[in-house]
């Protein structure tokens, strides 16, 4: 790959990231109350993202072959349990990831 191509890709990613961070502040007035749609997204977006991530994580899991998706099931169950117990999304994600990694790296090597 040429250096100019790599630099152009980095520049494009930088501009795209910057625009996604700045546009909401330019498009929405701080004095105006957010619409019901925005409030709905604000309330339910974390759950929607978690559901998408769960389905993405298990889409290629072979539940009919050893280890039968036990690592994935343990991670998902941990995330659900931690979230129901503590209501903290970050704690749930970190805890579930740790359990999943222990299963994958230690138990089912």
PDB file of N, CA and C in Angstrom:
ATOM      1  N   UNK A   1       0.836  -1.190   0.000  1.00  0.00           N
ATOM      2  CA  UNK A   1       0.000   0.000   0.000  1.00  0.00           C
ATOM      3  C   UNK A   1       0.875   1.246   0.000  1.00  0.00           C
ATOM      4  N   UNK A   2       0.407   2.228  -0.685  1.00  0.00           N
ATOM      5  CA  UNK A   2       1.144   3.484  -0.734  1.00  0.00           C
ATOM      6  C   UNK A   2       0.864   4.309   0.513  1.00  0.00           C
ATOM      7  N   UNK A   3       1.842   5.110   0.881  1.00  0.00           N
ATOM      8  CA  UNK A   3       1.703   5.953   2.072  1.00  0.00           C
ATOM      9  C   UNK A   3       0.593   6.984   1.884  1.00  0.00           C
ATOM     10  N   UNK A   4       0.421   7.489   0.661  1.00  0.00           N
ATOM     11  CA  UNK A   4      -0.624   8.489   0.423  1.00  0.00           C
ATOM     12  C   UNK A   4      -2.017   7.893   0.621  1.00  0.00           C
ATOM     13  N   UNK A   5      -2.191   6.625   0.256  1.00  0.00           N
ATOM     14  CA  UNK A   5      -3.477   5.955   0.443  1.00  0.00           C
ATOM     15  C   UNK A   5      -3.784   5.798   1.931  1.00  0.00           C
ATOM     16  N   UNK A   6      -2.780   5.396   2.696  1.00  0.00           N
ATOM     17  CA  UNK A   6      -2.964   5.226   4.140  1.00  0.00           C
ATOM     18  C   UNK A   6      -3.268   6.561   4.803  1.00  0.00           C
ATOM     19  N   UNK A   7      -2.543   7.597   4.424  1.00  0.00           N
ATOM     20  CA  UNK A   7      -2.788   8.928   4.999  1.00  0.00           C
ATOM     21  C   UNK A   7      -4.173   9.437   4.636  1.00  0.00           C
ATOM     22  N   UNK A   8      -4.605   9.181   3.407  1.00  0.00           N
ATOM     23  CA  UNK A   8      -5.942   9.595   2.988  1.00  0.00           C
ATOM     24  C   UNK A   8      -7.025   8.847   3.770  1.00  0.00           C
ATOM     25  N   UNK A   9      -6.812   7.570   4.034  1.00  0.00           N
ATOM     26  CA  UNK A   9      -7.769   6.786   4.830  1.00  0.00           C
ATOM     27  C   UNK A   9      -7.828   7.307   6.264  1.00  0.00           C
ATOM     28  N   UNK A  10      -6.683   7.635   6.835  1.00  0.00           N
ATOM     29  CA  UNK A  10      -6.648   8.186   8.195  1.00  0.00           C
ATOM     30  C   UNK A  10      -7.350   9.533   8.227  1.00  0.00           C
ATOM     31  N   UNK A  11      -7.129  10.371   7.231  1.00  0.00           N
ATOM     32  CA  UNK A  11      -7.780  11.680   7.157  1.00  0.00           C
ATOM     33  C   UNK A  11      -9.294  11.529   7.028  1.00  0.00           C
ATOM     34  N   UNK A  12      -9.745  10.604   6.208  1.00  0.00           N
ATOM     35  CA  UNK A  12     -11.188  10.380   6.040  1.00  0.00           C
ATOM     36  C   UNK A  12     -11.812   9.908   7.346  1.00  0.00           C
ATOM     37  N   UNK A  13     -11.150   8.986   8.044  1.00  0.00           N
ATOM     38  CA  UNK A  13     -11.664   8.505   9.321  1.00  0.00           C
ATOM     39  C   UNK A  13     -11.688   9.622  10.361  1.00  0.00           C
ATOM     40  N   UNK A  14     -10.684  10.482  10.337  1.00  0.00           N
ATOM     41  CA  UNK A  14     -10.618  11.606  11.271  1.00  0.00           C
ATOM     42  C   UNK A  14     -11.760  12.581  11.034  1.00  0.00           C
ATOM     43  N   UNK A  15     -11.997  12.924   9.781  1.00  0.00           N
ATOM     44  CA  UNK A  15     -13.073  13.862   9.440  1.00  0.00           C
ATOM     45  C   UNK A  15     -14.432  13.256   9.804  1.00  0.00           C
ATOM     46  N   UNK A  16     -14.638  12.001   9.488  1.00  0.00           N
ATOM     47  CA  UNK A  16     -15.915  11.349   9.809  1.00  0.00           C
ATOM     48  C   UNK A  16     -16.146  11.314  11.316  1.00  0.00           C
ATOM     49  N   UNK A  17     -15.125  10.985  12.073  1.00  0.00           N
ATOM     50  CA  UNK A  17     -15.255  10.952  13.535  1.00  0.00           C
ATOM     51  C   UNK A  17     -15.545  12.337  14.084  1.00  0.00           C
ATOM     52  N   UNK A  18     -14.830  13.334  13.591  1.00  0.00           N
ATOM     53  CA  UNK A  18     -15.026  14.705  14.056  1.00  0.00           C
ATOM     54  C   UNK A  18     -16.447  15.185  13.751  1.00  0.00           C
ATOM     55  N   UNK A  19     -16.927  14.907  12.551  1.00  0.00           N
ATOM     56  CA  UNK A  19     -18.270  15.354  12.180  1.00  0.00           C
ATOM     57  C   UNK A  19     -19.357  14.699  13.021  1.00  0.00           C
ATOM     58  N   UNK A  20     -19.195  13.419  13.331  1.00  0.00           N
ATOM     59  CA  UNK A  20     -20.211  12.766  14.156  1.00  0.00           C
ATOM     60  C   UNK A  20     -20.218  13.303  15.577  1.00  0.00           C
ATOM     61  N   UNK A  21     -19.112  13.859  16.019  1.00  0.00           N
ATOM     62  CA  UNK A  21     -19.055  14.443  17.361  1.00  0.00           C
ATOM     63  C   UNK A  21     -19.602  15.873  17.385  1.00  0.00           C
ATOM     64  N   UNK A  22     -19.405  16.620  16.306  1.00  0.00           N
ATOM     65  CA  UNK A  22     -19.751  18.039  16.276  1.00  0.00           C
ATOM     66  C   UNK A  22     -21.184  18.296  15.797  1.00  0.00           C
ATOM     67  N   UNK A  23     -21.659  17.512  14.851  1.00  0.00           N
ATOM     68  CA  UNK A  23     -22.968  17.777  14.246  1.00  0.00           C
ATOM     69  C   UNK A  23     -24.129  17.864  15.239  1.00  0.00           C
ATOM     70  N   UNK A  24     -24.217  16.996  16.240  1.00  0.00           N
ATOM     71  CA  UNK A  24     -25.345  17.142  17.180  1.00  0.00           C
ATOM     72  C   UNK A  24     -25.375  18.513  17.866  1.00  0.00           C
ATOM     73  N   UNK A  25     -24.221  19.058  18.176  1.00  0.00           N
ATOM     74  CA  UNK A  25     -24.177  20.374  18.825  1.00  0.00           C
ATOM     75  C   UNK A  25     -24.578  21.485  17.866  1.00  0.00           C
ATOM     76  N   UNK A  26     -24.327  21.282  16.591  1.00  0.00           N
ATOM     77  CA  UNK A  26     -24.701  22.293  15.600  1.00  0.00           C
ATOM     78  C   UNK A  26     -26.172  22.183  15.198  1.00  0.00           C
ATOM     79  N   UNK A  27     -26.716  20.979  15.209  1.00  0.00           N
ATOM     80  CA  UNK A  27     -28.081  20.773  14.739  1.00  0.00           C
ATOM     81  C   UNK A  27     -29.150  21.029  15.791  1.00  0.00           C
ATOM     82  N   UNK A  28     -28.822  20.790  17.060  1.00  0.00           N
ATOM     83  CA  UNK A  28     -29.824  20.917  18.110  1.00  0.00           C
ATOM     84  C   UNK A  28     -29.557  22.136  18.969  1.00  0.00           C
ATOM     85  N   UNK A  29     -30.623  22.886  19.220  1.00  0.00           N
ATOM     86  CA  UNK A  29     -30.534  24.074  20.055  1.00  0.00           C
ATOM     87  C   UNK A  29     -30.613  23.659  21.520  1.00  0.00           C
ATOM     88  N   UNK A  30     -29.698  24.175  22.342  1.00  0.00           N
ATOM     89  CA  UNK A  30     -29.670  23.802  23.752  1.00  0.00           C
ATOM     90  C   UNK A  30     -30.879  24.329  24.515  1.00  0.00           C
ATOM     91  N   UNK A  31     -31.451  25.425  24.058  1.00  0.00           N
ATOM     92  CA  UNK A  31     -32.584  26.035  24.755  1.00  0.00           C
ATOM     93  C   UNK A  31     -33.889  25.289  24.507  1.00  0.00           C
ATOM     94  N   UNK A  32     -33.949  24.610  23.388  1.00  0.00           N
ATOM     95  CA  UNK A  32     -35.173  23.910  23.007  1.00  0.00           C
ATOM     96  C   UNK A  32     -35.200  22.519  23.647  1.00  0.00           C
ATOM     97  N   UNK A  33     -36.362  22.132  24.137  1.00  0.00           N
ATOM     98  CA  UNK A  33     -36.522  20.806  24.727  1.00  0.00           C
ATOM     99  C   UNK A  33     -36.430  19.753  23.614  1.00  0.00           C
ATOM    100  N   UNK A  34     -35.719  18.629  23.870  1.00  0.00           N
ATOM    101  CA  UNK A  34     -35.596  17.594  22.833  1.00  0.00           C
ATOM    102  C   UNK A  34     -36.950  16.980  22.488  1.00  0.00           C
ATOM    103  N   UNK A  35     -37.068  16.534  21.255  1.00  0.00           N
ATOM    104  CA  UNK A  35     -38.319  15.916  20.816  1.00  0.00           C
ATOM    105  C   UNK A  35     -38.513  14.573  21.518  1.00  0.00           C
ATOM    106  N   UNK A  36     -39.723  14.062  21.439  1.00  0.00           N
ATOM    107  CA  UNK A  36     -40.044  12.770  22.048  1.00  0.00           C
ATOM    108  C   UNK A  36     -39.216  11.640  21.427  1.00  0.00           C
ATOM    109  N   UNK A  37     -38.940  11.747  20.128  1.00  0.00           N
ATOM    110  CA  UNK A  37     -38.142  10.729  19.447  1.00  0.00           C
ATOM    111  C   UNK A  37     -36.729  10.687  20.008  1.00  0.00           C
ATOM    112  N   UNK A  38     -36.118  11.853  20.180  1.00  0.00           N
ATOM    113  CA  UNK A  38     -34.767  11.923  20.729  1.00  0.00           C
ATOM    114  C   UNK A  38     -34.755  11.381  22.156  1.00  0.00           C
ATOM    115  N   UNK A  39     -35.756  11.736  22.950  1.00  0.00           N
ATOM    116  CA  UNK A  39     -35.830  11.230  24.317  1.00  0.00           C
ATOM    117  C   UNK A  39     -35.996   9.711  24.335  1.00  0.00           C
ATOM    118  N   UNK A  40     -36.768   9.182  23.386  1.00  0.00           N
ATOM    119  CA  UNK A  40     -36.953   7.738  23.281  1.00  0.00           C
ATOM    120  C   UNK A  40     -35.628   7.047  22.967  1.00  0.00           C
ATOM    121  N   UNK A  41     -34.893   7.583  21.984  1.00  0.00           N
ATOM    122  CA  UNK A  41     -33.588   7.028  21.643  1.00  0.00           C
ATOM    123  C   UNK A  41     -32.633   7.131  22.821  1.00  0.00           C
ATOM    124  N   UNK A  42     -32.641   8.247  23.491  1.00  0.00           N
ATOM    125  CA  UNK A  42     -31.754   8.461  24.633  1.00  0.00           C
ATOM    126  C   UNK A  42     -32.016   7.442  25.733  1.00  0.00           C
ATOM    127  N   UNK A  43     -33.273   7.111  25.925  1.00  0.00           N
ATOM    128  CA  UNK A  43     -33.652   6.181  26.990  1.00  0.00           C
ATOM    129  C   UNK A  43     -33.339   4.733  26.626  1.00  0.00           C
ATOM    130  N   UNK A  44     -33.574   4.344  25.368  1.00  0.00           N
ATOM    131  CA  UNK A  44     -33.499   2.937  24.984  1.00  0.00           C
ATOM    132  C   UNK A  44     -32.269   2.556  24.168  1.00  0.00           C
ATOM    133  N   UNK A  45     -31.444   3.501  23.766  1.00  0.00           N
ATOM    134  CA  UNK A  45     -30.292   3.184  22.920  1.00  0.00           C
ATOM    135  C   UNK A  45     -29.308   2.218  23.577  1.00  0.00           C
ATOM    136  N   UNK A  46     -28.955   2.360  24.859  1.00  0.00           N
ATOM    137  CA  UNK A  46     -28.014   1.385  25.437  1.00  0.00           C
ATOM    138  C   UNK A  46     -28.522  -0.058  25.364  1.00  0.00           C
ATOM    139  N   UNK A  47     -29.795  -0.257  25.625  1.00  0.00           N
ATOM    140  CA  UNK A  47     -30.356  -1.603  25.548  1.00  0.00           C
ATOM    141  C   UNK A  47     -30.334  -2.116  24.107  1.00  0.00           C
ATOM    142  N   UNK A  48     -30.669  -1.262  23.159  1.00  0.00           N
ATOM    143  CA  UNK A  48     -30.661  -1.678  21.759  1.00  0.00           C
ATOM    144  C   UNK A  48     -29.253  -2.072  21.325  1.00  0.00           C
ATOM    145  N   UNK A  49     -28.256  -1.326  21.749  1.00  0.00           N
ATOM    146  CA  UNK A  49     -26.876  -1.636  21.393  1.00  0.00           C
ATOM    147  C   UNK A  49     -26.461  -2.974  22.005  1.00  0.00           C
ATOM    148  N   UNK A  50     -26.843  -3.203  23.261  1.00  0.00           N
ATOM    149  CA  UNK A  50     -26.502  -4.467  23.911  1.00  0.00           C
ATOM    150  C   UNK A  50     -27.147  -5.654  23.188  1.00  0.00           C
ATOM    151  N   UNK A  51     -28.386  -5.510  22.769  1.00  0.00           N
ATOM    152  CA  UNK A  51     -29.070  -6.605  22.059  1.00  0.00           C
ATOM    153  C   UNK A  51     -28.365  -6.899  20.743  1.00  0.00           C
ATOM    154  N   UNK A  52     -27.995  -5.867  20.008  1.00  0.00           N
ATOM    155  CA  UNK A  52     -27.277  -6.061  18.743  1.00  0.00           C
ATOM    156  C   UNK A  52     -25.942  -6.756  18.993  1.00  0.00           C
ATOM    157  N   UNK A  53     -25.215  -6.339  20.014  1.00  0.00           N
ATOM    158  CA  UNK A  53     -23.931  -6.960  20.329  1.00  0.00           C
ATOM    159  C   UNK A  53     -24.075  -8.424  20.722  1.00  0.00           C
ATOM    160  N   UNK A  54     -25.113  -8.744  21.470  1.00  0.00           N
ATOM    161  CA  UNK A  54     -25.339 -10.142  21.867  1.00  0.00           C
ATOM    162  C   UNK A  54     -25.598 -11.000  20.633  1.00  0.00           C
ATOM    163  N   UNK A  55     -26.483 -10.546  19.759  1.00  0.00           N
ATOM    164  CA  UNK A  55     -26.775 -11.339  18.562  1.00  0.00           C
ATOM    165  C   UNK A  55     -25.562 -11.432  17.639  1.00  0.00           C
ATOM    166  N   UNK A  56     -24.781 -10.373  17.554  1.00  0.00           N
ATOM    167  CA  UNK A  56     -23.562 -10.414  16.739  1.00  0.00           C
ATOM    168  C   UNK A  56     -22.565 -11.403  17.329  1.00  0.00           C
ATOM    169  N   UNK A  57     -22.473 -11.438  18.649  1.00  0.00           N
ATOM    170  CA  UNK A  57     -21.508 -12.321  19.303  1.00  0.00           C
ATOM    171  C   UNK A  57     -21.858 -13.794  19.127  1.00  0.00           C
ATOM    172  N   UNK A  58     -23.132 -14.114  19.056  1.00  0.00           N
ATOM    173  CA  UNK A  58     -23.512 -15.537  18.969  1.00  0.00           C
ATOM    174  C   UNK A  58     -23.883 -15.987  17.564  1.00  0.00           C
ATOM    175  N   UNK A  59     -23.768 -15.116  16.574  1.00  0.00           N
ATOM    176  CA  UNK A  59     -24.215 -15.484  15.231  1.00  0.00           C
ATOM    177  C   UNK A  59     -23.421 -16.638  14.621  1.00  0.00           C
ATOM    178  N   UNK A  60     -22.146 -16.761  14.948  1.00  0.00           N
ATOM    179  CA  UNK A  60     -21.325 -17.833  14.380  1.00  0.00           C
ATOM    180  C   UNK A  60     -21.042 -18.951  15.376  1.00  0.00           C
ATOM    181  N   UNK A  61     -21.735 -18.964  16.484  1.00  0.00           N
ATOM    182  CA  UNK A  61     -21.509 -19.976  17.506  1.00  0.00           C
ATOM    183  C   UNK A  61     -22.149 -21.298  17.088  1.00  0.00           C
ATOM    184  N   UNK A  62     -21.350 -22.354  17.166  1.00  0.00           N
ATOM    185  CA  UNK A  62     -21.849 -23.695  16.831  1.00  0.00           C
ATOM    186  C   UNK A  62     -22.339 -24.360  18.116  1.00  0.00           C
ATOM    187  N   UNK A  63     -23.635 -24.255  18.369  1.00  0.00           N
ATOM    188  CA  UNK A  63     -24.202 -24.815  19.590  1.00  0.00           C
ATOM    189  C   UNK A  63     -24.287 -26.339  19.553  1.00  0.00           C
ATOM    190  N   UNK A  64     -24.083 -26.949  18.378  1.00  0.00           N
ATOM    191  CA  UNK A  64     -24.158 -28.398  18.269  1.00  0.00           C
ATOM    192  C   UNK A  64     -22.779 -29.065  18.338  1.00  0.00           C
ATOM    193  N   UNK A  65     -21.712 -28.255  18.478  1.00  0.00           N
ATOM    194  CA  UNK A  65     -20.358 -28.793  18.563  1.00  0.00           C
ATOM    195  C   UNK A  65     -19.695 -28.340  19.853  1.00  0.00           C
ATOM    196  N   UNK A  66     -18.728 -29.170  20.324  1.00  0.00           N
ATOM    197  CA  UNK A  66     -17.996 -28.831  21.534  1.00  0.00           C
ATOM    198  C   UNK A  66     -17.347 -27.464  21.370  1.00  0.00           C
ATOM    199  N   UNK A  67     -17.418 -26.577  22.314  1.00  0.00           N
ATOM    200  CA  UNK A  67     -17.953 -26.610  23.670  1.00  0.00           C
ATOM    201  C   UNK A  67     -19.401 -26.148  23.765  1.00  0.00           C
ATOM    202  N   UNK A  68     -20.159 -26.257  22.707  1.00  0.00           N
ATOM    203  CA  UNK A  68     -21.612 -26.050  22.699  1.00  0.00           C
ATOM    204  C   UNK A  68     -22.040 -24.631  23.075  1.00  0.00           C
ATOM    205  N   UNK A  69     -21.186 -23.671  22.853  1.00  0.00           N
ATOM    206  CA  UNK A  69     -21.536 -22.281  23.151  1.00  0.00           C
ATOM    207  C   UNK A  69     -21.589 -21.956  24.628  1.00  0.00           C
ATOM    208  N   UNK A  70     -20.950 -22.794  25.437  1.00  0.00           N
ATOM    209  CA  UNK A  70     -20.989 -22.573  26.885  1.00  0.00           C
ATOM    210  C   UNK A  70     -20.354 -21.235  27.259  1.00  0.00           C
ATOM    211  N   UNK A  71     -19.261 -20.871  26.606  1.00  0.00           N
ATOM    212  CA  UNK A  71     -18.595 -19.602  26.906  1.00  0.00           C
ATOM    213  C   UNK A  71     -19.516 -18.424  26.625  1.00  0.00           C
ATOM    214  N   UNK A  72     -20.193 -18.446  25.477  1.00  0.00           N
ATOM    215  CA  UNK A  72     -21.096 -17.368  25.108  1.00  0.00           C
ATOM    216  C   UNK A  72     -22.285 -17.293  26.059  1.00  0.00           C
ATOM    217  N   UNK A  73     -22.847 -18.450  26.386  1.00  0.00           N
ATOM    218  CA  UNK A  73     -23.991 -18.482  27.296  1.00  0.00           C
ATOM    219  C   UNK A  73     -23.590 -17.969  28.679  1.00  0.00           C
ATOM    220  N   UNK A  74     -22.402 -18.357  29.148  1.00  0.00           N
ATOM    221  CA  UNK A  74     -21.924 -17.890  30.455  1.00  0.00           C
ATOM    222  C   UNK A  74     -21.728 -16.377  30.443  1.00  0.00           C
ATOM    223  N   UNK A  75     -21.170 -15.846  29.360  1.00  0.00           N
ATOM    224  CA  UNK A  75     -20.977 -14.400  29.262  1.00  0.00           C
ATOM    225  C   UNK A  75     -22.292 -13.646  29.240  1.00  0.00           C
ATOM    226  N   UNK A  76     -23.238 -14.134  28.455  1.00  0.00           N
ATOM    227  CA  UNK A  76     -24.551 -13.478  28.370  1.00  0.00           C
ATOM    228  C   UNK A  76     -25.282 -13.556  29.709  1.00  0.00           C
ATOM    229  N   UNK A  77     -25.246 -14.728  30.343  1.00  0.00           N
ATOM    230  CA  UNK A  77     -25.907 -14.878  31.647  1.00  0.00           C
ATOM    231  C   UNK A  77     -25.270 -13.971  32.696  1.00  0.00           C
ATOM    232  N   UNK A  78     -23.952 -13.837  32.647  1.00  0.00           N
ATOM    233  CA  UNK A  78     -23.267 -12.942  33.578  1.00  0.00           C
ATOM    234  C   UNK A  78     -23.686 -11.498  33.350  1.00  0.00           C
ATOM    235  N   UNK A  79     -23.745 -11.090  32.095  1.00  0.00           N
ATOM    236  CA  UNK A  79     -24.151  -9.714  31.789  1.00  0.00           C
ATOM    237  C   UNK A  79     -25.569  -9.440  32.289  1.00  0.00           C
ATOM    238  N   UNK A  80     -26.457 -10.370  32.053  1.00  0.00           N
ATOM    239  CA  UNK A  80     -27.845 -10.198  32.508  1.00  0.00           C
ATOM    240  C   UNK A  80     -27.904 -10.130  34.032  1.00  0.00           C
ATOM    241  N   UNK A  81     -27.229 -11.063  34.681  1.00  0.00           N
ATOM    242  CA  UNK A  81     -27.245 -11.097  36.140  1.00  0.00           C
ATOM    243  C   UNK A  81     -26.651  -9.847  36.763  1.00  0.00           C
ATOM    244  N   UNK A  82     -25.503  -9.410  36.249  1.00  0.00           N
ATOM    245  CA  UNK A  82     -24.874  -8.208  36.791  1.00  0.00           C
ATOM    246  C   UNK A  82     -25.732  -6.974  36.551  1.00  0.00           C
ATOM    247  N   UNK A  83     -26.337  -6.905  35.371  1.00  0.00           N
ATOM    248  CA  UNK A  83     -27.145  -5.723  35.086  1.00  0.00           C
ATOM    249  C   UNK A  83     -28.415  -5.700  35.935  1.00  0.00           C
ATOM    250  N   UNK A  84     -29.027  -6.841  36.128  1.00  0.00           N
ATOM    251  CA  UNK A  84     -30.216  -6.883  36.984  1.00  0.00           C
ATOM    252  C   UNK A  84     -29.858  -6.569  38.435  1.00  0.00           C
ATOM    253  N   UNK A  85     -28.677  -6.986  38.849  1.00  0.00           N
ATOM    254  CA  UNK A  85     -28.264  -6.768  40.228  1.00  0.00           C
ATOM    255  C   UNK A  85     -27.762  -5.370  40.521  1.00  0.00           C
ATOM    256  N   UNK A  86     -27.001  -4.796  39.572  1.00  0.00           N
ATOM    257  CA  UNK A  86     -26.328  -3.531  39.851  1.00  0.00           C
ATOM    258  C   UNK A  86     -26.806  -2.356  39.000  1.00  0.00           C
ATOM    259  N   UNK A  87     -27.534  -2.617  37.921  1.00  0.00           N
ATOM    260  CA  UNK A  87     -28.037  -1.560  37.018  1.00  0.00           C
ATOM    261  C   UNK A  87     -26.921  -0.653  36.513  1.00  0.00           C
ATOM    262  N   UNK A  88     -25.762  -1.246  36.220  1.00  0.00           N
ATOM    263  CA  UNK A  88     -24.617  -0.487  35.731  1.00  0.00           C
ATOM    264  C   UNK A  88     -24.116  -1.167  34.466  1.00  0.00           C
ATOM    265  N   UNK A  89     -24.326  -0.526  33.317  1.00  0.00           N
ATOM    266  CA  UNK A  89     -23.996  -1.135  32.029  1.00  0.00           C
ATOM    267  C   UNK A  89     -22.497  -1.401  31.902  1.00  0.00           C
ATOM    268  N   UNK A  90     -21.671  -0.458  32.323  1.00  0.00           N
ATOM    269  CA  UNK A  90     -20.226  -0.639  32.206  1.00  0.00           C
ATOM    270  C   UNK A  90     -19.753  -1.824  33.046  1.00  0.00           C
ATOM    271  N   UNK A  91     -20.233  -1.933  34.262  1.00  0.00           N
ATOM    272  CA  UNK A  91     -19.883  -3.050  35.139  1.00  0.00           C
ATOM    273  C   UNK A  91     -20.346  -4.369  34.526  1.00  0.00           C
ATOM    274  N   UNK A  92     -21.538  -4.377  33.953  1.00  0.00           N
ATOM    275  CA  UNK A  92     -22.072  -5.587  33.324  1.00  0.00           C
ATOM    276  C   UNK A  92     -21.210  -6.022  32.149  1.00  0.00           C
ATOM    277  N   UNK A  93     -20.807  -5.067  31.331  1.00  0.00           N
ATOM    278  CA  UNK A  93     -19.995  -5.380  30.148  1.00  0.00           C
ATOM    279  C   UNK A  93     -18.626  -5.899  30.561  1.00  0.00           C
ATOM    280  N   UNK A  94     -17.988  -5.225  31.509  1.00  0.00           N
ATOM    281  CA  UNK A  94     -16.652  -5.645  31.942  1.00  0.00           C
ATOM    282  C   UNK A  94     -16.709  -7.013  32.614  1.00  0.00           C
ATOM    283  N   UNK A  95     -17.678  -7.219  33.486  1.00  0.00           N
ATOM    284  CA  UNK A  95     -17.806  -8.508  34.163  1.00  0.00           C
ATOM    285  C   UNK A  95     -18.090  -9.644  33.202  1.00  0.00           C
ATOM    286  N   UNK A  96     -19.010  -9.425  32.271  1.00  0.00           N
ATOM    287  CA  UNK A  96     -19.351 -10.466  31.294  1.00  0.00           C
ATOM    288  C   UNK A  96     -18.172 -10.766  30.381  1.00  0.00           C
ATOM    289  N   UNK A  97     -17.443  -9.747  29.991  1.00  0.00           N
ATOM    290  CA  UNK A  97     -16.262  -9.954  29.146  1.00  0.00           C
ATOM    291  C   UNK A  97     -15.209 -10.763  29.892  1.00  0.00           C
ATOM    292  N   UNK A  98     -15.010 -10.448  31.167  1.00  0.00           N
ATOM    293  CA  UNK A  98     -14.032 -11.190  31.970  1.00  0.00           C
ATOM    294  C   UNK A  98     -14.429 -12.664  32.083  1.00  0.00           C
ATOM    295  N   UNK A  99     -15.695 -12.935  32.357  1.00  0.00           N
ATOM    296  CA  UNK A  99     -16.152 -14.322  32.464  1.00  0.00           C
ATOM    297  C   UNK A  99     -15.983 -15.039  31.128  1.00  0.00           C
ATOM    298  N   UNK A 100     -16.365 -14.405  30.048  1.00  0.00           N
ATOM    299  CA  UNK A 100     -16.236 -15.011  28.719  1.00  0.00           C
ATOM    300  C   UNK A 100     -14.774 -15.328  28.411  1.00  0.00           C
ATOM    301  N   UNK A 101     -13.880 -14.382  28.715  1.00  0.00           N
ATOM    302  CA  UNK A 101     -12.463 -14.596  28.415  1.00  0.00           C
ATOM    303  C   UNK A 101     -11.872 -15.724  29.264  1.00  0.00           C
ATOM    304  N   UNK A 102     -12.301 -15.836  30.517  1.00  0.00           N
ATOM    305  CA  UNK A 102     -11.837 -16.953  31.349  1.00  0.00           C
ATOM    306  C   UNK A 102     -12.289 -18.273  30.738  1.00  0.00           C
ATOM    307  N   UNK A 103     -13.526 -18.332  30.299  1.00  0.00           N
ATOM    308  CA  UNK A 103     -14.031 -19.563  29.679  1.00  0.00           C
ATOM    309  C   UNK A 103     -13.255 -19.890  28.409  1.00  0.00           C
ATOM    310  N   UNK A 104     -13.027 -18.893  27.567  1.00  0.00           N
ATOM    311  CA  UNK A 104     -12.374 -19.139  26.273  1.00  0.00           C
ATOM    312  C   UNK A 104     -10.874 -19.406  26.437  1.00  0.00           C
ATOM    313  N   UNK A 105     -10.200 -18.642  27.275  1.00  0.00           N
ATOM    314  CA  UNK A 105      -8.745 -18.732  27.381  1.00  0.00           C
ATOM    315  C   UNK A 105      -8.261 -19.775  28.379  1.00  0.00           C
ATOM    316  N   UNK A 106      -9.065 -20.087  29.397  1.00  0.00           N
ATOM    317  CA  UNK A 106      -8.591 -20.996  30.445  1.00  0.00           C
ATOM    318  C   UNK A 106      -9.308 -22.347  30.390  1.00  0.00           C
ATOM    319  N   UNK A 107     -10.613 -22.332  30.368  1.00  0.00           N
ATOM    320  CA  UNK A 107     -11.368 -23.582  30.465  1.00  0.00           C
ATOM    321  C   UNK A 107     -11.431 -24.367  29.158  1.00  0.00           C
ATOM    322  N   UNK A 108     -11.657 -23.677  28.051  1.00  0.00           N
ATOM    323  CA  UNK A 108     -11.820 -24.363  26.761  1.00  0.00           C
ATOM    324  C   UNK A 108     -10.691 -23.991  25.820  1.00  0.00           C
ATOM    325  N   UNK A 109      -9.475 -24.312  26.192  1.00  0.00           N
ATOM    326  CA  UNK A 109      -8.295 -23.961  25.368  1.00  0.00           C
ATOM    327  C   UNK A 109      -8.214 -24.872  24.178  1.00  0.00           C
TER     328      UNK A 109
END
